[in-house]
Amino acid sequence: MQLKRDTDYALRILYCIGKNFSIKGVVHCGLTLPEICMQSGVPKLAANRLCEKLLKKGIIRSRKRRSETIYYPSGQFKNQSLLGIIETTENTAQLFAVFDKKNGLFRRYGEKLETIQDEIEEVLSNATLKFFIRDE
């Protein structure tokens, strides 16, 4: 399974924000968009669009510092599931949504594909940012 580009970018942004916010137990003030782009390697337009989606979903927070916006983790940041992040960035986590439901493959194996989708969603629901972002 391969992550779509936006999900990859979102995870890089979240990793960057999470790692920089709390290093060795010391809380930092957050990151600006240029800092996020520089540290994560995500292009500015994509980072801006994804930060807006992550803000709307409550995964990250922001505040103004002079003329800059500072991004930092929300209170439940580390408890966010990978499924929730995928749904936020891609608007769906349905792997088999591209299949034509009238197609012989889906008609024949549709129930099995739905079972696989349910199993994948369960795994992604249990995997949280806590696993990826730990204080060093």
C-alpha atoms as a PDB file:
ATOM      1  CA  MET A   1       0.000   0.000   0.000  1.00  0.00           C
ATOM      2  CA  GLN A   2       1.296   3.425  -0.879  1.00  0.00           C
ATOM      3  CA  LEU A   3       0.251   6.669   0.777  1.00  0.00           C
ATOM      4  CA  LYS A   4      -1.039   9.401  -1.463  1.00  0.00           C
ATOM      5  CA  ARG A   5       1.115  12.491  -1.736  1.00  0.00           C
ATOM      6  CA  ASP A   6      -1.079  14.680   0.479  1.00  0.00           C
ATOM      7  CA  THR A   7      -1.112  12.078   3.250  1.00  0.00           C
ATOM      8  CA  ASP A   8       2.667  11.751   3.016  1.00  0.00           C
ATOM      9  CA  TYR A   9       3.021  15.537   3.208  1.00  0.00           C
ATOM     10  CA  ALA A  10       0.566  15.785   6.109  1.00  0.00           C
ATOM     11  CA  LEU A  11       2.452  13.143   8.084  1.00  0.00           C
ATOM     12  CA  ARG A  12       5.734  14.947   7.437  1.00  0.00           C
ATOM     13  CA  ILE A  13       4.187  18.236   8.595  1.00  0.00           C
ATOM     14  CA  LEU A  14       2.728  16.635  11.723  1.00  0.00           C
ATOM     15  CA  TYR A  15       5.993  14.877  12.527  1.00  0.00           C
ATOM     16  CA  CYS A  16       7.862  18.158  12.136  1.00  0.00           C
ATOM     17  CA  ILE A  17       5.421  20.120  14.318  1.00  0.00           C
ATOM     18  CA  GLY A  18       5.292  17.396  16.958  1.00  0.00           C
ATOM     19  CA  LYS A  19       9.047  16.862  17.172  1.00  0.00           C
ATOM     20  CA  ASN A  20       9.830  20.561  17.342  1.00  0.00           C
ATOM     21  CA  PHE A  21       7.198  21.404  19.902  1.00  0.00           C
ATOM     22  CA  SER A  22       8.538  19.221  22.688  1.00  0.00           C
ATOM     23  CA  ILE A  23      12.198  18.296  22.636  1.00  0.00           C
ATOM     24  CA  LYS A  24      13.569  16.625  25.767  1.00  0.00           C
ATOM     25  CA  GLY A  25      10.499  17.779  27.683  1.00  0.00           C
ATOM     26  CA  VAL A  26      11.046  21.459  26.849  1.00  0.00           C
ATOM     27  CA  VAL A  27       8.031  23.063  25.196  1.00  0.00           C
ATOM     28  CA  HIS A  28       8.865  25.325  22.262  1.00  0.00           C
ATOM     29  CA  CYS A  29       6.705  27.982  20.657  1.00  0.00           C
ATOM     30  CA  GLY A  30       5.785  26.197  17.425  1.00  0.00           C
ATOM     31  CA  LEU A  31       6.830  26.685  13.818  1.00  0.00           C
ATOM     32  CA  THR A  32       6.065  29.099  11.007  1.00  0.00           C
ATOM     33  CA  LEU A  33       5.080  27.831   7.567  1.00  0.00           C
ATOM     34  CA  PRO A  34       8.555  28.512   6.087  1.00  0.00           C
ATOM     35  CA  GLU A  35      10.136  26.591   8.975  1.00  0.00           C
ATOM     36  CA  ILE A  36       7.755  23.675   8.432  1.00  0.00           C
ATOM     37  CA  CYS A  37       8.559  23.642   4.714  1.00  0.00           C
ATOM     38  CA  MET A  38      12.290  23.779   5.309  1.00  0.00           C
ATOM     39  CA  GLN A  39      12.299  21.015   7.921  1.00  0.00           C
ATOM     40  CA  SER A  40       9.741  18.709   6.295  1.00  0.00           C
ATOM     41  CA  GLY A  41      10.597  19.217   2.638  1.00  0.00           C
ATOM     42  CA  VAL A  42       6.950  19.910   1.795  1.00  0.00           C
ATOM     43  CA  PRO A  43       6.353  22.610  -0.876  1.00  0.00           C
ATOM     44  CA  LYS A  44       4.888  25.845   0.497  1.00  0.00           C
ATOM     45  CA  LEU A  45       1.557  25.721  -1.393  1.00  0.00           C
ATOM     46  CA  ALA A  46       0.903  22.139  -0.315  1.00  0.00           C
ATOM     47  CA  ALA A  47       1.984  22.860   3.274  1.00  0.00           C
ATOM     48  CA  ASN A  48      -0.311  25.881   3.473  1.00  0.00           C
ATOM     49  CA  ARG A  49      -3.303  23.935   2.103  1.00  0.00           C
ATOM     50  CA  LEU A  50      -2.682  20.943   4.377  1.00  0.00           C
ATOM     51  CA  CYS A  51      -2.120  23.081   7.481  1.00  0.00           C
ATOM     52  CA  GLU A  52      -5.531  24.650   6.819  1.00  0.00           C
ATOM     53  CA  LYS A  53      -7.144  21.188   6.634  1.00  0.00           C
ATOM     54  CA  LEU A  54      -5.345  20.055   9.790  1.00  0.00           C
ATOM     55  CA  LEU A  55      -6.424  23.249  11.577  1.00  0.00           C
ATOM     56  CA  LYS A  56     -10.081  22.783  10.580  1.00  0.00           C
ATOM     57  CA  LYS A  57      -9.992  19.215  11.868  1.00  0.00           C
ATOM     58  CA  GLY A  58      -8.410  20.370  15.160  1.00  0.00           C
ATOM     59  CA  ILE A  59      -5.272  18.262  14.763  1.00  0.00           C
ATOM     60  CA  ILE A  60      -3.034  21.340  14.995  1.00  0.00           C
ATOM     61  CA  ARG A  61      -3.570  24.851  16.316  1.00  0.00           C
ATOM     62  CA  SER A  62      -2.213  28.221  15.293  1.00  0.00           C
ATOM     63  CA  ARG A  63      -1.670  31.685  16.636  1.00  0.00           C
ATOM     64  CA  LYS A  64      -0.329  34.925  15.235  1.00  0.00           C
ATOM     65  CA  ARG A  65       3.105  36.174  16.211  1.00  0.00           C
ATOM     66  CA  ARG A  66       3.661  39.571  14.679  1.00  0.00           C
ATOM     67  CA  SER A  67       2.847  39.012  11.015  1.00  0.00           C
ATOM     68  CA  GLU A  68       3.517  35.263  11.066  1.00  0.00           C
ATOM     69  CA  THR A  69       1.291  32.314  11.858  1.00  0.00           C
ATOM     70  CA  ILE A  70       2.796  29.818  14.289  1.00  0.00           C
ATOM     71  CA  TYR A  71       1.605  26.207  14.123  1.00  0.00           C
ATOM     72  CA  TYR A  72       1.716  23.861  17.093  1.00  0.00           C
ATOM     73  CA  PRO A  73       0.064  20.610  18.238  1.00  0.00           C
ATOM     74  CA  SER A  74      -3.492  20.545  19.567  1.00  0.00           C
ATOM     75  CA  GLY A  75      -4.214  19.074  22.985  1.00  0.00           C
ATOM     76  CA  GLN A  76      -5.050  15.644  21.559  1.00  0.00           C
ATOM     77  CA  PHE A  77      -2.322  15.766  18.915  1.00  0.00           C
ATOM     78  CA  LYS A  78      -0.523  12.524  19.787  1.00  0.00           C
ATOM     79  CA  ASN A  79      -3.822  10.616  20.015  1.00  0.00           C
ATOM     80  CA  GLN A  80      -4.745  11.360  16.392  1.00  0.00           C
ATOM     81  CA  SER A  81      -5.104   8.154  14.398  1.00  0.00           C
ATOM     82  CA  LEU A  82      -3.561   7.577  11.004  1.00  0.00           C
ATOM     83  CA  LEU A  83      -7.053   6.824   9.719  1.00  0.00           C
ATOM     84  CA  GLY A  84      -8.239  10.269  10.836  1.00  0.00           C
ATOM     85  CA  ILE A  85      -5.262  11.940   9.187  1.00  0.00           C
ATOM     86  CA  ILE A  86      -5.825  10.053   5.924  1.00  0.00           C
ATOM     87  CA  GLU A  87      -9.523  10.984   5.978  1.00  0.00           C
ATOM     88  CA  THR A  88      -8.615  14.615   6.679  1.00  0.00           C
ATOM     89  CA  THR A  89      -6.151  14.895   3.815  1.00  0.00           C
ATOM     90  CA  GLU A  90      -7.786  12.635   1.236  1.00  0.00           C
ATOM     91  CA  ASN A  91     -11.446  13.038   2.298  1.00  0.00           C
ATOM     92  CA  THR A  92     -11.743   9.239   2.357  1.00  0.00           C
ATOM     93  CA  ALA A  93      -9.777   6.161   3.357  1.00  0.00           C
ATOM     94  CA  GLN A  94     -11.733   3.847   1.076  1.00  0.00           C
ATOM     95  CA  LEU A  95      -9.029   1.956  -0.812  1.00  0.00           C
ATOM     96  CA  PHE A  96     -11.465   0.239  -3.141  1.00  0.00           C
ATOM     97  CA  ALA A  97     -13.616   3.278  -3.938  1.00  0.00           C
ATOM     98  CA  VAL A  98     -12.069   3.382  -7.405  1.00  0.00           C
ATOM     99  CA  PHE A  99     -13.609   0.035  -8.320  1.00  0.00           C
ATOM    100  CA  ASP A 100     -16.732   0.062 -10.439  1.00  0.00           C
ATOM    101  CA  LYS A 101     -19.303  -1.674  -8.229  1.00  0.00           C
ATOM    102  CA  LYS A 102     -20.932  -3.132 -11.354  1.00  0.00           C
ATOM    103  CA  ASN A 103     -17.610  -4.632 -12.446  1.00  0.00           C
ATOM    104  CA  GLY A 104     -17.338  -8.424 -12.308  1.00  0.00           C
ATOM    105  CA  LEU A 105     -14.357  -8.207  -9.941  1.00  0.00           C
ATOM    106  CA  PHE A 106     -16.256  -6.194  -7.360  1.00  0.00           C
ATOM    107  CA  ARG A 107     -19.426  -8.216  -7.788  1.00  0.00           C
ATOM    108  CA  ARG A 108     -17.475 -11.406  -7.241  1.00  0.00           C
ATOM    109  CA  TYR A 109     -15.100 -10.271  -4.479  1.00  0.00           C
ATOM    110  CA  GLY A 110     -16.862  -7.196  -3.115  1.00  0.00           C
ATOM    111  CA  GLU A 111     -17.628  -8.746   0.260  1.00  0.00           C
ATOM    112  CA  LYS A 112     -13.994  -9.814   0.689  1.00  0.00           C
ATOM    113  CA  LEU A 113     -12.762  -6.355  -0.357  1.00  0.00           C
ATOM    114  CA  GLU A 114     -15.072  -4.741   2.189  1.00  0.00           C
ATOM    115  CA  THR A 115     -13.716  -7.076   4.878  1.00  0.00           C
ATOM    116  CA  ILE A 116     -10.160  -6.105   3.926  1.00  0.00           C
ATOM    117  CA  GLN A 117     -11.154  -2.410   4.066  1.00  0.00           C
ATOM    118  CA  ASP A 118     -12.599  -2.891   7.564  1.00  0.00           C
ATOM    119  CA  GLU A 119      -9.433  -4.636   8.747  1.00  0.00           C
ATOM    120  CA  ILE A 120      -7.209  -1.905   7.318  1.00  0.00           C
ATOM    121  CA  GLU A 121      -9.339   0.797   8.947  1.00  0.00           C
ATOM    122  CA  GLU A 122      -9.082  -0.959  12.306  1.00  0.00           C
ATOM    123  CA  VAL A 123      -5.283  -1.067  12.090  1.00  0.00           C
ATOM    124  CA  LEU A 124      -5.088   2.582  10.999  1.00  0.00           C
ATOM    125  CA  SER A 125      -7.478   3.615  13.790  1.00  0.00           C
ATOM    126  CA  ASN A 126      -5.214   2.046  16.392  1.00  0.00           C
ATOM    127  CA  ALA A 127      -2.015   3.598  15.016  1.00  0.00           C
ATOM    128  CA  THR A 128      -1.599   7.085  16.459  1.00  0.00           C
ATOM    129  CA  LEU A 129       0.946   9.874  16.205  1.00  0.00           C
ATOM    130  CA  LYS A 130       2.119   8.865  19.689  1.00  0.00           C
ATOM    131  CA  PHE A 131       3.856   5.919  18.036  1.00  0.00           C
ATOM    132  CA  PHE A 132       5.797   8.162  15.636  1.00  0.00           C
ATOM    133  CA  ILE A 133       6.447  11.217  17.783  1.00  0.00           C
ATOM    134  CA  ARG A 134       8.156  10.619  21.082  1.00  0.00           C
ATOM    135  CA  ASP A 135      10.106  13.008  23.279  1.00  0.00           C
ATOM    136  CA  GLU A 136      13.805  12.490  22.844  1.00  0.00           C
END
